[in-house]
Amino acid sequence: MNRDIQSLNLRGVSGLYILWRQMDYCAVHDAEHLTAEYVGKAGSSMPARLLRHQREKAINEVPTTEVSIWRSSNRIAKYLEQALLDHFYFPQNRVENVGTRRLCHHIPPAAWN
């Protein structure tokens, strides 16, 4: 995950991405707690799409803070996106979002350095 999308060199890259929101520190896991807010796929326009979605998918005026990217063909990205939407709830996805469980991630403090 990286806060600076433009530094990821994604020109011409297609794949799946998840926008995450950093919630708080979890003492149980000794890690930062993130929740998945949006899942999407993109073809070669991934950098522009990510920047737009990161800005547009803000909740309570707070932009999403992190992004995970899986490089793949558009066909595989579409399949993975639908599988995630079928199983997990993404608050910022408006269509085909039938999942009920929240997707979370815990990142230890050392990973940020």
N, C-alpha and C. Protein backbone atom coordinates (compact mmCIF):
# COMPACT_ATOMS: atom_id res chain seq x y z
N MET A 1 0.84 -1.18 0.00
CA MET A 1 0.00 0.00 0.00
C MET A 1 0.88 1.23 0.00
N ASN A 2 0.36 2.29 -0.60
CA ASN A 2 1.16 3.48 -0.75
C ASN A 2 0.27 4.70 -0.78
N ARG A 3 0.63 5.73 -0.08
CA ARG A 3 -0.18 6.95 -0.05
C ARG A 3 -0.03 7.77 -1.32
N ASP A 4 1.06 7.64 -2.03
CA ASP A 4 1.32 8.45 -3.21
C ASP A 4 1.11 7.63 -4.47
N ILE A 5 -0.09 7.68 -5.02
CA ILE A 5 -0.46 6.87 -6.18
C ILE A 5 0.43 7.18 -7.38
N GLN A 6 0.76 8.43 -7.58
CA GLN A 6 1.55 8.81 -8.74
C GLN A 6 2.95 8.20 -8.72
N SER A 7 3.46 7.84 -7.56
CA SER A 7 4.80 7.27 -7.47
C SER A 7 4.82 5.77 -7.77
N LEU A 8 3.66 5.17 -8.00
CA LEU A 8 3.60 3.72 -8.19
C LEU A 8 3.91 3.26 -9.61
N ASN A 9 4.09 4.18 -10.54
CA ASN A 9 4.41 3.84 -11.92
C ASN A 9 3.39 2.85 -12.50
N LEU A 10 2.14 3.26 -12.55
CA LEU A 10 1.05 2.39 -12.99
C LEU A 10 0.59 2.67 -14.42
N ARG A 11 1.29 3.50 -15.14
CA ARG A 11 0.88 3.80 -16.52
C ARG A 11 0.87 2.50 -17.34
N GLY A 12 -0.27 2.22 -17.96
CA GLY A 12 -0.41 1.03 -18.79
C GLY A 12 -0.71 -0.24 -18.01
N VAL A 13 -0.88 -0.13 -16.69
CA VAL A 13 -1.14 -1.29 -15.85
C VAL A 13 -2.64 -1.50 -15.70
N SER A 14 -3.07 -2.76 -15.77
CA SER A 14 -4.47 -3.09 -15.49
C SER A 14 -4.51 -4.00 -14.27
N GLY A 15 -5.66 -4.04 -13.62
CA GLY A 15 -5.80 -4.91 -12.46
C GLY A 15 -6.91 -4.48 -11.53
N LEU A 16 -6.82 -4.97 -10.31
CA LEU A 16 -7.83 -4.75 -9.28
C LEU A 16 -7.22 -3.85 -8.20
N TYR A 17 -8.05 -3.01 -7.60
CA TYR A 17 -7.56 -2.20 -6.49
C TYR A 17 -8.61 -2.11 -5.40
N ILE A 18 -8.14 -1.92 -4.18
CA ILE A 18 -9.01 -1.71 -3.02
C ILE A 18 -8.57 -0.42 -2.35
N LEU A 19 -9.55 0.44 -2.07
CA LEU A 19 -9.30 1.65 -1.30
C LEU A 19 -9.62 1.36 0.16
N TRP A 20 -8.72 1.70 1.05
CA TRP A 20 -8.84 1.41 2.47
C TRP A 20 -8.95 2.69 3.27
N ARG A 21 -9.59 2.61 4.39
CA ARG A 21 -9.65 3.71 5.35
C ARG A 21 -8.96 3.26 6.63
N GLN A 22 -8.04 4.07 7.10
CA GLN A 22 -7.36 3.77 8.36
C GLN A 22 -8.29 4.18 9.49
N MET A 23 -8.67 3.21 10.31
CA MET A 23 -9.66 3.46 11.36
C MET A 23 -9.00 3.89 12.66
N ASP A 24 -8.16 3.04 13.21
CA ASP A 24 -7.55 3.34 14.49
C ASP A 24 -6.46 2.32 14.77
N TYR A 25 -5.84 2.47 15.92
CA TYR A 25 -4.83 1.52 16.35
C TYR A 25 -5.52 0.40 17.12
N CYS A 26 -5.17 -0.85 16.82
CA CYS A 26 -5.76 -2.01 17.48
C CYS A 26 -4.72 -2.59 18.45
N ALA A 27 -4.96 -2.42 19.74
CA ALA A 27 -4.02 -2.91 20.75
C ALA A 27 -3.97 -4.43 20.78
N VAL A 28 -5.07 -5.09 20.43
CA VAL A 28 -5.10 -6.56 20.42
C VAL A 28 -4.12 -7.11 19.40
N HIS A 29 -4.06 -6.49 18.22
CA HIS A 29 -3.17 -6.95 17.15
C HIS A 29 -1.86 -6.16 17.09
N ASP A 30 -1.71 -5.14 17.94
CA ASP A 30 -0.57 -4.23 17.90
C ASP A 30 -0.34 -3.75 16.47
N ALA A 31 -1.43 -3.23 15.87
CA ALA A 31 -1.37 -2.82 14.48
C ALA A 31 -2.43 -1.77 14.18
N GLU A 32 -2.22 -1.07 13.08
CA GLU A 32 -3.24 -0.15 12.58
C GLU A 32 -4.36 -0.96 11.95
N HIS A 33 -5.59 -0.57 12.22
CA HIS A 33 -6.77 -1.27 11.71
C HIS A 33 -7.31 -0.49 10.51
N LEU A 34 -7.41 -1.17 9.35
CA LEU A 34 -7.96 -0.56 8.15
C LEU A 34 -9.19 -1.34 7.71
N THR A 35 -10.17 -0.64 7.14
CA THR A 35 -11.34 -1.29 6.56
C THR A 35 -11.40 -0.97 5.08
N ALA A 36 -11.82 -1.95 4.29
CA ALA A 36 -11.95 -1.77 2.85
C ALA A 36 -13.20 -0.95 2.56
N GLU A 37 -13.05 0.11 1.78
CA GLU A 37 -14.17 1.00 1.47
C GLU A 37 -14.68 0.82 0.04
N TYR A 38 -13.79 0.47 -0.89
CA TYR A 38 -14.17 0.39 -2.30
C TYR A 38 -13.27 -0.61 -3.01
N VAL A 39 -13.86 -1.41 -3.89
CA VAL A 39 -13.08 -2.29 -4.75
C VAL A 39 -13.42 -1.93 -6.20
N GLY A 40 -12.40 -1.91 -7.04
CA GLY A 40 -12.62 -1.57 -8.44
C GLY A 40 -11.58 -2.22 -9.32
N LYS A 41 -11.81 -2.13 -10.60
CA LYS A 41 -10.86 -2.65 -11.58
C LYS A 41 -10.57 -1.54 -12.57
N ALA A 42 -9.43 -1.63 -13.21
CA ALA A 42 -9.08 -0.61 -14.18
C ALA A 42 -8.19 -1.21 -15.24
N GLY A 43 -8.34 -0.70 -16.43
CA GLY A 43 -7.45 -1.06 -17.52
C GLY A 43 -6.24 -0.15 -17.48
N SER A 44 -5.78 0.26 -18.62
CA SER A 44 -4.56 1.07 -18.69
C SER A 44 -4.72 2.46 -18.09
N SER A 45 -5.94 2.84 -17.72
CA SER A 45 -6.17 4.16 -17.11
C SER A 45 -6.12 4.09 -15.59
N MET A 46 -5.45 3.09 -15.03
CA MET A 46 -5.46 2.90 -13.58
C MET A 46 -5.01 4.14 -12.80
N PRO A 47 -3.92 4.82 -13.14
CA PRO A 47 -3.52 5.97 -12.31
C PRO A 47 -4.62 7.03 -12.20
N ALA A 48 -5.21 7.42 -13.31
CA ALA A 48 -6.26 8.45 -13.29
C ALA A 48 -7.49 7.95 -12.53
N ARG A 49 -7.85 6.71 -12.74
CA ARG A 49 -9.03 6.14 -12.07
C ARG A 49 -8.82 6.09 -10.55
N LEU A 50 -7.64 5.66 -10.14
CA LEU A 50 -7.34 5.60 -8.70
C LEU A 50 -7.39 6.98 -8.06
N LEU A 51 -6.77 7.95 -8.69
CA LEU A 51 -6.77 9.30 -8.14
C LEU A 51 -8.19 9.84 -8.03
N ARG A 52 -9.00 9.62 -9.06
CA ARG A 52 -10.38 10.11 -9.04
C ARG A 52 -11.19 9.41 -7.95
N HIS A 53 -11.07 8.08 -7.88
CA HIS A 53 -11.84 7.34 -6.88
C HIS A 53 -11.38 7.63 -5.47
N GLN A 54 -10.11 7.81 -5.27
CA GLN A 54 -9.63 8.12 -3.93
C GLN A 54 -10.23 9.44 -3.45
N ARG A 55 -10.37 10.39 -4.35
CA ARG A 55 -10.96 11.69 -4.01
C ARG A 55 -12.48 11.59 -3.86
N GLU A 56 -13.15 10.88 -4.79
CA GLU A 56 -14.61 10.82 -4.80
C GLU A 56 -15.19 9.92 -3.72
N LYS A 57 -14.46 8.93 -3.27
CA LYS A 57 -14.98 7.96 -2.32
C LYS A 57 -14.73 8.35 -0.87
N ALA A 58 -14.47 9.61 -0.64
CA ALA A 58 -14.24 10.10 0.73
C ALA A 58 -15.52 9.98 1.55
N ILE A 59 -15.35 9.66 2.81
CA ILE A 59 -16.48 9.58 3.75
C ILE A 59 -16.27 10.66 4.80
N ASN A 60 -17.31 11.40 5.09
CA ASN A 60 -17.22 12.49 6.07
C ASN A 60 -16.06 13.42 5.75
N GLU A 61 -15.86 13.67 4.45
CA GLU A 61 -14.82 14.58 3.97
C GLU A 61 -13.40 14.08 4.24
N VAL A 62 -13.26 12.84 4.68
CA VAL A 62 -11.93 12.28 4.92
C VAL A 62 -11.62 11.33 3.77
N PRO A 63 -10.57 11.60 2.98
CA PRO A 63 -10.27 10.72 1.86
C PRO A 63 -9.78 9.35 2.32
N THR A 64 -9.94 8.37 1.46
CA THR A 64 -9.38 7.06 1.78
C THR A 64 -7.88 7.23 1.91
N THR A 65 -7.27 6.39 2.73
CA THR A 65 -5.87 6.63 3.06
C THR A 65 -4.88 5.69 2.39
N GLU A 66 -5.32 4.52 2.00
CA GLU A 66 -4.40 3.54 1.45
C GLU A 66 -5.01 2.86 0.25
N VAL A 67 -4.16 2.24 -0.56
CA VAL A 67 -4.63 1.51 -1.73
C VAL A 67 -3.82 0.23 -1.87
N SER A 68 -4.51 -0.87 -2.18
CA SER A 68 -3.86 -2.13 -2.53
C SER A 68 -4.11 -2.37 -4.01
N ILE A 69 -3.09 -2.83 -4.72
CA ILE A 69 -3.21 -3.05 -6.16
C ILE A 69 -2.73 -4.45 -6.50
N TRP A 70 -3.53 -5.15 -7.29
CA TRP A 70 -3.14 -6.45 -7.84
C TRP A 70 -3.11 -6.32 -9.34
N ARG A 71 -1.95 -6.46 -9.93
CA ARG A 71 -1.81 -6.36 -11.38
C ARG A 71 -2.30 -7.66 -12.01
N SER A 72 -3.16 -7.51 -13.01
CA SER A 72 -3.70 -8.69 -13.70
C SER A 72 -4.35 -8.23 -15.00
N SER A 73 -4.77 -9.19 -15.79
CA SER A 73 -5.54 -8.85 -16.99
C SER A 73 -6.88 -8.29 -16.55
N ASN A 74 -7.53 -7.55 -17.43
CA ASN A 74 -8.83 -6.98 -17.11
C ASN A 74 -9.85 -8.08 -16.81
N ARG A 75 -9.75 -9.20 -17.52
CA ARG A 75 -10.69 -10.31 -17.32
C ARG A 75 -10.57 -10.88 -15.90
N ILE A 76 -9.35 -11.12 -15.45
CA ILE A 76 -9.13 -11.64 -14.10
C ILE A 76 -9.56 -10.60 -13.06
N ALA A 77 -9.25 -9.33 -13.30
CA ALA A 77 -9.65 -8.27 -12.36
C ALA A 77 -11.16 -8.21 -12.22
N LYS A 78 -11.88 -8.36 -13.32
CA LYS A 78 -13.34 -8.34 -13.27
C LYS A 78 -13.87 -9.50 -12.44
N TYR A 79 -13.29 -10.68 -12.62
CA TYR A 79 -13.70 -11.86 -11.85
C TYR A 79 -13.43 -11.65 -10.36
N LEU A 80 -12.24 -11.19 -10.01
CA LEU A 80 -11.89 -10.96 -8.61
C LEU A 80 -12.76 -9.89 -7.97
N GLU A 81 -13.02 -8.82 -8.71
CA GLU A 81 -13.88 -7.75 -8.19
C GLU A 81 -15.26 -8.30 -7.84
N GLN A 82 -15.84 -9.09 -8.74
CA GLN A 82 -17.17 -9.63 -8.48
C GLN A 82 -17.16 -10.61 -7.31
N ALA A 83 -16.12 -11.43 -7.21
CA ALA A 83 -16.02 -12.37 -6.09
C ALA A 83 -15.95 -11.61 -4.75
N LEU A 84 -15.17 -10.55 -4.71
CA LEU A 84 -15.08 -9.75 -3.48
C LEU A 84 -16.41 -9.08 -3.15
N LEU A 85 -17.10 -8.54 -4.16
CA LEU A 85 -18.39 -7.90 -3.94
C LEU A 85 -19.45 -8.89 -3.48
N ASP A 86 -19.33 -10.13 -3.91
CA ASP A 86 -20.29 -11.17 -3.50
C ASP A 86 -20.11 -11.56 -2.04
N HIS A 87 -18.90 -11.40 -1.50
CA HIS A 87 -18.61 -11.88 -0.15
C HIS A 87 -18.43 -10.79 0.89
N PHE A 88 -17.98 -9.62 0.47
CA PHE A 88 -17.69 -8.55 1.41
C PHE A 88 -18.51 -7.31 1.10
N TYR A 89 -18.78 -6.52 2.13
CA TYR A 89 -19.50 -5.27 1.98
C TYR A 89 -18.50 -4.13 1.84
N PHE A 90 -18.59 -3.39 0.75
CA PHE A 90 -17.76 -2.22 0.49
C PHE A 90 -18.69 -1.01 0.48
N PRO A 91 -18.65 -0.15 1.51
CA PRO A 91 -19.61 0.95 1.63
C PRO A 91 -19.68 1.89 0.43
N GLN A 92 -18.57 2.05 -0.28
CA GLN A 92 -18.55 3.00 -1.40
C GLN A 92 -18.90 2.38 -2.75
N ASN A 93 -19.08 1.07 -2.81
CA ASN A 93 -19.55 0.43 -4.04
C ASN A 93 -21.07 0.49 -4.05
N ARG A 94 -21.64 1.04 -5.08
CA ARG A 94 -23.09 1.23 -5.14
C ARG A 94 -23.82 0.12 -5.90
N VAL A 95 -23.13 -0.61 -6.76
CA VAL A 95 -23.77 -1.60 -7.62
C VAL A 95 -23.20 -2.99 -7.33
N GLU A 96 -24.05 -3.99 -7.37
CA GLU A 96 -23.65 -5.39 -7.21
C GLU A 96 -22.90 -5.64 -5.91
N ASN A 97 -23.24 -4.92 -4.88
CA ASN A 97 -22.55 -5.04 -3.60
C ASN A 97 -23.46 -5.80 -2.64
N VAL A 98 -23.47 -7.14 -2.75
CA VAL A 98 -24.39 -7.95 -1.95
C VAL A 98 -23.72 -8.59 -0.74
N GLY A 99 -22.41 -8.46 -0.62
CA GLY A 99 -21.70 -9.04 0.51
C GLY A 99 -22.10 -8.38 1.82
N THR A 100 -21.91 -9.10 2.90
CA THR A 100 -22.33 -8.58 4.21
C THR A 100 -21.17 -8.43 5.19
N ARG A 101 -20.07 -9.11 4.97
CA ARG A 101 -18.95 -9.03 5.91
C ARG A 101 -18.03 -7.89 5.54
N ARG A 102 -17.40 -7.29 6.55
CA ARG A 102 -16.43 -6.22 6.29
C ARG A 102 -15.06 -6.84 6.09
N LEU A 103 -14.33 -6.31 5.13
CA LEU A 103 -12.97 -6.73 4.86
C LEU A 103 -12.04 -5.78 5.61
N CYS A 104 -11.22 -6.34 6.50
CA CYS A 104 -10.31 -5.53 7.31
C CYS A 104 -8.88 -6.00 7.12
N HIS A 105 -7.97 -5.15 7.48
CA HIS A 105 -6.55 -5.47 7.38
C HIS A 105 -5.86 -4.82 8.57
N HIS A 106 -4.92 -5.52 9.16
CA HIS A 106 -4.13 -4.98 10.26
C HIS A 106 -2.68 -4.88 9.82
N ILE A 107 -2.10 -3.71 9.99
CA ILE A 107 -0.73 -3.47 9.56
C ILE A 107 0.10 -3.11 10.78
N PRO A 108 1.15 -3.89 11.06
CA PRO A 108 2.00 -3.58 12.21
C PRO A 108 2.75 -2.27 11.98
N PRO A 109 3.03 -1.54 13.06
CA PRO A 109 3.70 -0.24 12.93
C PRO A 109 5.01 -0.31 12.14
N ALA A 110 5.74 -1.39 12.25
CA ALA A 110 7.02 -1.51 11.54
C ALA A 110 6.84 -1.47 10.02
N ALA A 111 5.68 -1.86 9.52
CA ALA A 111 5.44 -1.88 8.08
C ALA A 111 5.36 -0.48 7.49
N TRP A 112 5.08 0.52 8.31
CA TRP A 112 4.96 1.89 7.82
C TRP A 112 6.33 2.54 7.63
N ASN A 113 7.36 1.94 8.18
CA ASN A 113 8.69 2.55 8.11
C ASN A 113 9.47 2.06 6.93
